[in-house]
Protein backbone atom coordinates (compact mmCIF):
# COMPACT_ATOMS: atom_id res chain seq x y z
CA MET A 1 -45.04 2.69 107.78
CA ALA A 2 -41.55 2.67 109.20
CA ALA A 3 -38.71 3.85 106.98
CA SER A 4 -36.91 0.48 107.38
CA SER A 5 -39.99 -1.41 106.07
CA GLN A 6 -40.25 0.88 103.06
CA SER A 7 -36.54 0.36 102.39
CA ARG A 8 -36.94 -3.44 102.42
CA ILE A 9 -39.91 -3.26 100.04
CA SER A 10 -37.97 -0.96 97.72
CA ARG A 11 -35.04 -3.39 97.67
CA LYS A 12 -37.39 -6.28 96.86
CA PHE A 13 -38.85 -4.39 93.92
CA LEU A 14 -35.35 -3.44 92.82
CA PHE A 15 -34.17 -7.06 92.94
CA LEU A 16 -37.34 -8.16 91.15
CA GLY A 17 -36.77 -5.57 88.43
CA ILE A 18 -33.12 -6.57 88.06
CA GLY A 19 -34.17 -10.24 87.91
CA ILE A 20 -36.71 -9.52 85.17
CA ILE A 21 -34.13 -7.55 83.17
CA VAL A 22 -31.55 -10.33 83.53
CA PHE A 23 -34.11 -12.97 82.56
CA VAL A 24 -35.22 -10.99 79.48
CA ALA A 25 -31.59 -10.46 78.47
CA ILE A 26 -30.72 -14.14 78.82
CA TYR A 27 -33.95 -15.19 77.10
CA SER A 28 -33.34 -12.78 74.23
CA ALA A 29 -29.75 -13.99 73.80
CA GLY A 30 -31.00 -17.57 73.78
CA TRP A 31 -33.69 -16.68 71.24
CA PHE A 32 -31.19 -15.16 68.81
CA TYR A 33 -28.80 -18.06 69.36
CA ALA A 34 -31.62 -20.49 68.55
CA ALA A 35 -32.48 -18.41 65.48
CA GLN A 36 -28.88 -18.70 64.25
CA ARG A 37 -28.95 -22.45 64.87
CA LEU A 38 -32.19 -22.58 62.88
CA GLN A 39 -30.47 -20.88 59.95
CA ASP A 40 -27.48 -23.26 60.11
CA THR A 41 -29.73 -26.33 60.31
CA VAL A 42 -31.91 -25.34 57.36
CA ILE A 43 -28.88 -24.57 55.19
CA ARG A 44 -27.27 -27.91 56.03
CA THR A 45 -30.55 -29.59 55.11
CA LEU A 46 -30.54 -27.93 51.69
CA ALA A 47 -26.94 -29.06 51.04
CA PRO A 48 -25.62 -31.65 53.54
CA GLY A 49 -21.89 -31.81 53.93
CA GLY A 50 -20.81 -30.73 57.37
CA LYS A 51 -20.03 -27.31 58.81
CA ALA A 52 -16.57 -27.12 57.31
CA SER A 53 -17.61 -27.57 53.69
CA VAL A 54 -21.04 -25.97 53.44
CA SER A 55 -21.62 -22.23 53.40
CA GLY A 56 -24.87 -20.45 52.79
CA GLU A 57 -26.19 -16.96 52.36
CA CYS A 58 -29.72 -15.76 53.09
CA SER A 59 -30.50 -12.51 51.28
CA ASP A 60 -32.55 -9.94 53.18
CA ILE A 61 -32.47 -12.16 56.25
CA ALA A 62 -35.01 -11.42 58.95
CA PHE A 63 -35.72 -13.14 62.25
CA LYS A 64 -39.36 -12.98 63.33
CA GLY A 65 -41.70 -14.39 65.95
CA TYR A 66 -40.06 -13.09 69.14
CA PRO A 67 -40.70 -13.97 71.93
CA PHE A 68 -42.62 -17.27 71.58
CA ARG A 69 -41.76 -18.39 68.07
CA ILE A 70 -38.49 -18.52 66.13
CA GLY A 71 -38.88 -17.56 62.48
CA LEU A 72 -36.26 -17.17 59.76
CA PHE A 73 -37.16 -15.43 56.50
CA CYS A 74 -34.97 -14.89 53.42
CA SER A 75 -35.79 -13.51 49.98
CA LYS A 76 -33.23 -15.82 48.33
CA VAL A 77 -30.95 -18.65 49.45
CA ASP A 78 -27.52 -19.51 48.01
CA VAL A 79 -25.65 -22.60 49.17
CA LYS A 80 -22.16 -23.83 48.28
CA ASP A 81 -20.58 -27.16 49.17
CA ALA A 82 -16.86 -26.53 48.76
CA GLN A 83 -15.83 -30.13 49.37
CA ASN A 84 -18.04 -31.54 46.60
CA ASN A 85 -17.89 -28.37 44.47
CA VAL A 86 -21.66 -28.04 44.26
CA SER A 87 -23.52 -24.73 44.23
CA ALA A 88 -27.25 -24.12 44.45
CA SER A 89 -29.64 -21.19 44.56
CA PHE A 90 -33.29 -21.14 45.62
CA GLY A 91 -36.14 -18.68 46.01
CA ALA A 92 -37.60 -17.30 49.20
CA LEU A 93 -37.28 -19.29 52.43
CA ARG A 94 -39.65 -19.24 55.39
CA SER A 95 -38.85 -21.39 58.43
CA ALA A 96 -40.11 -21.51 61.99
CA ALA A 97 -39.87 -23.40 65.27
CA GLN A 98 -41.75 -23.04 68.54
CA ILE A 99 -39.65 -21.73 71.41
CA TYR A 100 -40.67 -24.71 73.56
CA ALA A 101 -39.62 -27.15 70.79
CA PRO A 102 -36.71 -25.51 68.92
CA GLY A 103 -35.57 -28.86 67.54
CA HIS A 104 -38.77 -29.30 65.51
CA ILE A 105 -38.46 -27.06 62.47
CA VAL A 106 -40.93 -26.50 59.65
CA TRP A 107 -39.96 -24.62 56.52
CA GLU A 108 -41.13 -23.65 53.05
CA LEU A 109 -39.01 -22.91 50.01
CA ASP A 110 -40.04 -21.14 46.81
CA SER A 111 -38.81 -21.95 43.33
CA PRO A 112 -36.91 -21.57 41.09
CA ALA A 113 -33.90 -23.71 41.96
CA GLN A 114 -30.59 -23.88 40.12
CA ILE A 115 -27.99 -26.53 40.98
CA GLN A 116 -24.55 -26.86 39.39
CA THR A 117 -21.85 -29.47 39.94
CA ALA A 118 -18.18 -29.66 39.03
CA HIS A 119 -18.96 -32.63 36.75
CA GLY A 120 -20.96 -30.48 34.36
CA LEU A 121 -24.45 -31.32 35.61
CA ASN A 122 -26.90 -28.42 35.69
CA VAL A 123 -30.34 -28.86 37.23
CA SER A 124 -33.16 -26.33 37.11
CA ALA A 125 -36.48 -26.86 38.86
CA GLN A 126 -39.83 -25.22 39.46
CA TRP A 127 -42.63 -26.25 41.81
CA ASP A 128 -45.98 -25.04 43.06
CA ASN A 129 -45.37 -25.74 46.74
CA LEU A 130 -42.50 -27.18 48.81
CA GLN A 131 -42.92 -27.86 52.51
CA SER A 132 -40.65 -29.71 54.89
CA SER A 133 -40.24 -30.55 58.54
CA LEU A 134 -37.24 -31.87 60.41
CA VAL A 135 -36.45 -32.94 63.93
CA THR A 136 -32.96 -32.32 65.26
CA LYS A 137 -31.15 -33.93 68.14
CA LEU A 138 -28.10 -32.90 70.16
CA ARG A 139 -25.89 -33.51 67.16
CA GLY A 140 -27.33 -33.60 63.68
CA ILE A 141 -30.78 -34.36 62.27
CA ASP A 142 -32.88 -37.23 63.56
CA ARG A 143 -35.54 -37.32 60.83
CA THR A 144 -36.91 -35.18 58.03
CA ALA A 145 -39.86 -35.14 55.65
CA LEU A 146 -40.29 -33.25 52.38
CA VAL A 147 -43.38 -32.78 50.19
CA ILE A 148 -43.22 -31.09 46.78
CA GLU A 149 -46.31 -30.39 44.69
CA GLY A 150 -46.16 -29.69 40.98
CA LEU A 151 -42.44 -30.39 40.52
CA LYS A 152 -40.91 -29.84 37.09
CA ALA A 153 -37.16 -30.34 36.73
CA THR A 154 -34.64 -30.40 33.89
CA ALA A 155 -31.13 -31.86 34.16
CA VAL A 156 -28.57 -31.06 31.47
CA SER A 157 -25.06 -32.50 31.19
CA SER A 158 -22.55 -30.13 29.62
CA VAL A 159 -20.27 -33.13 29.09
CA THR A 160 -22.65 -35.36 27.12
CA ALA A 161 -25.23 -32.70 26.10
CA GLN A 162 -27.88 -35.10 27.39
CA THR A 163 -31.13 -33.61 28.72
CA ILE A 164 -33.55 -35.29 31.14
CA ASN A 165 -36.95 -33.82 32.00
CA PHE A 166 -38.87 -34.95 35.06
CA ASP A 167 -42.22 -33.92 36.46
CA ALA A 168 -44.51 -35.23 39.18
CA ALA A 169 -47.80 -34.13 40.69
CA THR A 170 -46.52 -34.97 44.18
CA THR A 171 -43.08 -35.96 45.45
CA GLU A 172 -42.53 -37.11 49.04
CA VAL A 173 -39.19 -37.92 50.68
CA HIS A 174 -38.85 -39.29 54.22
CA LEU A 175 -35.51 -39.94 55.95
CA ARG A 176 -34.81 -41.02 59.53
CA GLN A 177 -31.96 -42.31 61.63
CA ASN A 178 -32.67 -45.84 62.84
CA GLY A 179 -29.86 -46.44 65.28
CA ALA A 180 -26.73 -46.51 63.11
CA ASP A 181 -28.77 -47.13 59.96
CA LEU A 182 -30.57 -44.77 57.60
CA ASP A 183 -34.16 -45.47 56.55
CA GLY A 184 -35.45 -43.74 53.45
CA ALA A 185 -38.71 -43.71 51.51
CA ILE A 186 -39.69 -41.88 48.32
CA THR A 187 -43.17 -41.66 46.81
CA LEU A 188 -43.92 -40.25 43.35
CA THR A 189 -47.46 -39.60 42.14
CA ASP A 190 -48.30 -39.12 38.45
CA ALA A 191 -44.63 -38.89 37.49
CA SER A 192 -42.91 -38.92 34.12
CA THR A 193 -39.27 -39.02 33.02
CA VAL A 194 -38.30 -38.13 29.46
CA ILE A 195 -34.75 -38.42 28.11
CA LYS A 196 -34.14 -36.29 25.03
CA ASP A 197 -33.75 -38.30 21.81
CA TRP A 198 -34.59 -41.54 23.66
CA PRO A 199 -37.87 -43.42 23.51
CA GLN A 200 -40.00 -42.90 26.62
CA LEU A 201 -39.27 -46.04 28.64
CA LEU A 202 -42.37 -45.84 30.83
CA PRO A 203 -45.72 -44.04 30.69
CA ARG A 204 -46.79 -41.76 33.53
CA LEU A 205 -46.70 -43.76 36.74
CA ASN A 206 -46.83 -43.89 40.51
CA ALA A 207 -43.71 -45.16 42.27
CA ILE A 208 -42.67 -46.09 45.79
CA ALA A 209 -39.16 -46.85 47.06
CA ASP A 210 -38.38 -48.03 50.60
CA ILE A 211 -34.76 -48.69 51.56
CA THR A 212 -32.37 -49.08 54.50
CA LEU A 213 -28.64 -48.32 54.33
CA ALA A 214 -26.66 -50.06 57.07
CA GLY A 215 -24.41 -47.80 59.15
CA LYS A 216 -25.32 -44.69 57.14
CA ALA A 217 -27.41 -42.70 59.61
CA GLY A 218 -24.99 -39.77 59.26
CA MET A 219 -25.87 -39.26 55.60
CA ILE A 220 -29.06 -37.45 56.64
CA ASP A 221 -27.12 -34.39 57.80
CA GLY A 222 -23.81 -34.81 55.99
CA SER A 223 -21.78 -36.04 58.96
CA ASP A 224 -21.15 -39.26 56.97
CA ARG A 225 -19.50 -38.23 53.72
CA SER A 226 -18.03 -41.58 52.70
CA GLY A 227 -20.66 -42.20 50.02
CA LEU A 228 -22.08 -45.60 49.07
CA TYR A 229 -18.81 -47.45 48.45
CA GLY A 230 -18.58 -50.47 50.72
CA THR A 231 -22.21 -50.03 51.81
CA SER A 232 -24.82 -52.75 52.29
CA GLY A 233 -28.54 -52.46 52.80
CA GLU A 234 -32.03 -53.80 52.28
CA LEU A 235 -34.30 -52.81 49.43
CA ARG A 236 -37.62 -53.46 51.11
CA ARG A 237 -39.62 -52.39 48.11
CA VAL A 238 -39.47 -50.56 44.82
CA MET A 239 -42.82 -50.56 43.08
CA LEU A 240 -43.80 -49.08 39.72
CA ASP A 241 -47.51 -48.77 38.99
CA ILE A 242 -48.65 -47.70 35.50
CA GLY A 243 -52.33 -48.28 36.23
CA GLU A 244 -54.95 -50.95 35.55
CA GLY A 245 -53.20 -53.41 37.82
CA ARG A 246 -49.90 -53.24 35.92
CA THR A 247 -47.27 -53.20 38.65
CA MET A 248 -43.62 -54.18 38.99
CA ARG A 249 -41.92 -54.82 42.35
CA VAL A 250 -38.29 -55.40 43.28
CA SER A 251 -36.99 -56.24 46.77
CA GLY A 252 -33.98 -57.82 48.43
CA PRO A 253 -30.60 -57.28 50.12
CA PHE A 254 -27.77 -55.56 48.27
CA SER A 255 -24.27 -54.18 48.69
CA PHE A 256 -21.72 -52.02 46.87
CA ASP A 257 -18.06 -52.99 46.90
CA ASP A 258 -15.11 -50.60 47.13
CA GLN A 259 -15.18 -50.08 43.36
CA GLY A 260 -18.88 -49.22 43.37
CA TYR A 261 -20.16 -52.47 41.80
CA LEU A 262 -23.58 -53.68 42.87
CA SER A 263 -24.25 -57.17 44.21
CA GLY A 264 -27.58 -58.45 45.48
CA GLN A 265 -30.29 -61.09 45.63
CA PHE A 266 -33.54 -59.55 44.40
CA LYS A 267 -37.08 -60.77 43.88
CA LEU A 268 -38.80 -59.36 40.79
CA GLU A 269 -42.59 -59.56 40.62
CA ILE A 270 -44.59 -58.42 37.59
CA GLU A 271 -48.37 -58.17 37.38
CA LYS A 272 -49.98 -58.14 33.89
CA LEU A 273 -46.86 -59.47 32.22
CA GLY A 274 -48.44 -59.29 28.76
CA ASP A 275 -49.29 -55.60 29.12
CA TRP A 276 -45.74 -54.76 30.20
CA ALA A 277 -44.40 -56.63 27.16
CA ASP A 278 -46.79 -54.81 24.82
CA ASN A 279 -45.70 -51.47 26.29
CA ALA A 280 -42.03 -52.42 25.81
CA LYS A 281 -42.65 -53.34 22.16
CA GLN A 282 -44.29 -49.99 21.51
CA THR A 283 -41.31 -48.25 23.06
CA PHE A 284 -38.70 -50.40 21.30
CA PRO A 285 -40.29 -51.70 18.08
CA GLN A 286 -36.86 -52.84 16.81
CA LEU A 287 -36.65 -55.27 19.75
CA GLN A 288 -40.01 -56.98 19.31
CA SER A 289 -38.57 -60.45 18.79
CA THR A 290 -36.28 -60.12 21.82
CA ILE A 291 -39.16 -58.86 23.96
CA ASP A 292 -41.38 -61.73 22.80
CA THR A 293 -38.65 -64.21 23.71
CA ALA A 294 -38.25 -62.66 27.17
CA ARG A 295 -42.02 -62.70 27.65
CA LYS A 296 -42.22 -66.39 26.78
CA LEU A 297 -39.32 -67.16 29.12
CA LEU A 298 -40.89 -65.27 32.03
CA GLY A 299 -44.25 -66.81 31.19
CA ALA A 300 -42.71 -70.29 31.33
CA LEU A 301 -41.12 -69.51 34.70
CA ALA A 302 -44.53 -68.25 35.85
CA GLY A 303 -46.26 -71.45 34.76
CA GLY A 304 -48.12 -69.73 31.93
CA ARG A 305 -49.75 -67.15 34.21
CA ASP A 306 -49.82 -63.41 33.53
CA ARG A 307 -47.96 -62.83 36.79
CA ALA A 308 -44.23 -63.51 36.94
CA SER A 309 -42.00 -63.85 39.99
CA VAL A 310 -38.32 -64.47 39.37
CA ASP A 311 -35.02 -64.18 41.23
CA LEU A 312 -32.56 -61.58 40.01
CA VAL A 313 -28.96 -62.23 41.00
CA VAL A 314 -26.39 -59.46 40.64
CA GLU A 315 -22.72 -60.24 41.23
CA ARG A 316 -20.40 -57.24 40.89
CA GLY A 317 -22.70 -55.70 38.31
CA ARG A 318 -23.43 -58.86 36.32
CA ALA A 319 -27.18 -59.44 36.37
CA THR A 320 -28.79 -62.82 35.73
CA VAL A 321 -32.17 -64.49 36.17
CA SER A 322 -31.87 -67.18 38.85
CA GLY A 323 -28.11 -67.06 38.46
CA PHE A 324 -27.90 -68.61 34.98
CA ILE A 325 -29.78 -66.49 32.38
CA PRO A 326 -27.66 -63.40 31.63
CA LEU A 327 -29.36 -60.00 31.48
CA GLY A 328 -26.45 -57.61 31.16
CA LYS A 329 -23.98 -55.62 33.23
CA ILE A 330 -24.72 -52.74 35.57
CA PRO A 331 -21.95 -50.10 35.62
CA PRO A 332 -20.43 -49.05 38.96
CA ILE A 333 -21.80 -46.00 40.79
């Protein structure tokens, strides 16, 4: 073989080798950049609030899965939202995304969790299993889903010394951007809420809430930090099910004014009205006569049936039945 031919072949192999090295270098840099973005996205999911206000620390951080998978592992996660003065700590974190779909992230988080706010609220929680997935877009989070099994949480107010205990066999939370709006759904299975020194308002139950907040798509990732003041939306469904056909549903449009007062036109539907009344009398025996009166009123509106459907009208926190029977006042948020 001529020397010139060998020289050309050598140059080709040299260029090929240089090309491979450059490709691996660029790919590796992109992999670690994507891993850092994964860390930032997961931390913002744990405490939304925007890059400027949220900081997080992953103890014993390790990036795994190179070259085809992006994995982030931490033995402990601490998050602080400086703007809202909220701090939180969690157990071990494991998150991953495929290199061909870095915007689709799945992650797991271990208990315990400790959350503290500047208003004196302290929340501690334990769970058996917490798994989540989220899909990002060019800016922010497009949708996210969270499933918690065996959740047990306690909230204590250092201001009022009030304690609330909550537990649920399964908790599911789904959020998604729907154009400019935010769609949200929460499902609780075999859940119970107990307020210390209060009668238990409801037995163990299953609950579903489905809601849309107009113009609030940015709340999913903290880019909208204006809160609920001046917000309107649609409560598509809130349903409480305590078993044996005993259900309660509420739906309708609503809004909050600039002072945080609720207004809305809601439809309340109650199945097994008598059973709900009996449960209320067991919970509040001192209010038996009032509960009996309310039961008769709802029964009359329902035409004597054990299923009631009434209109609830709320105007700046003042709640009435059909706009003329007062129920009470709802404080602002």
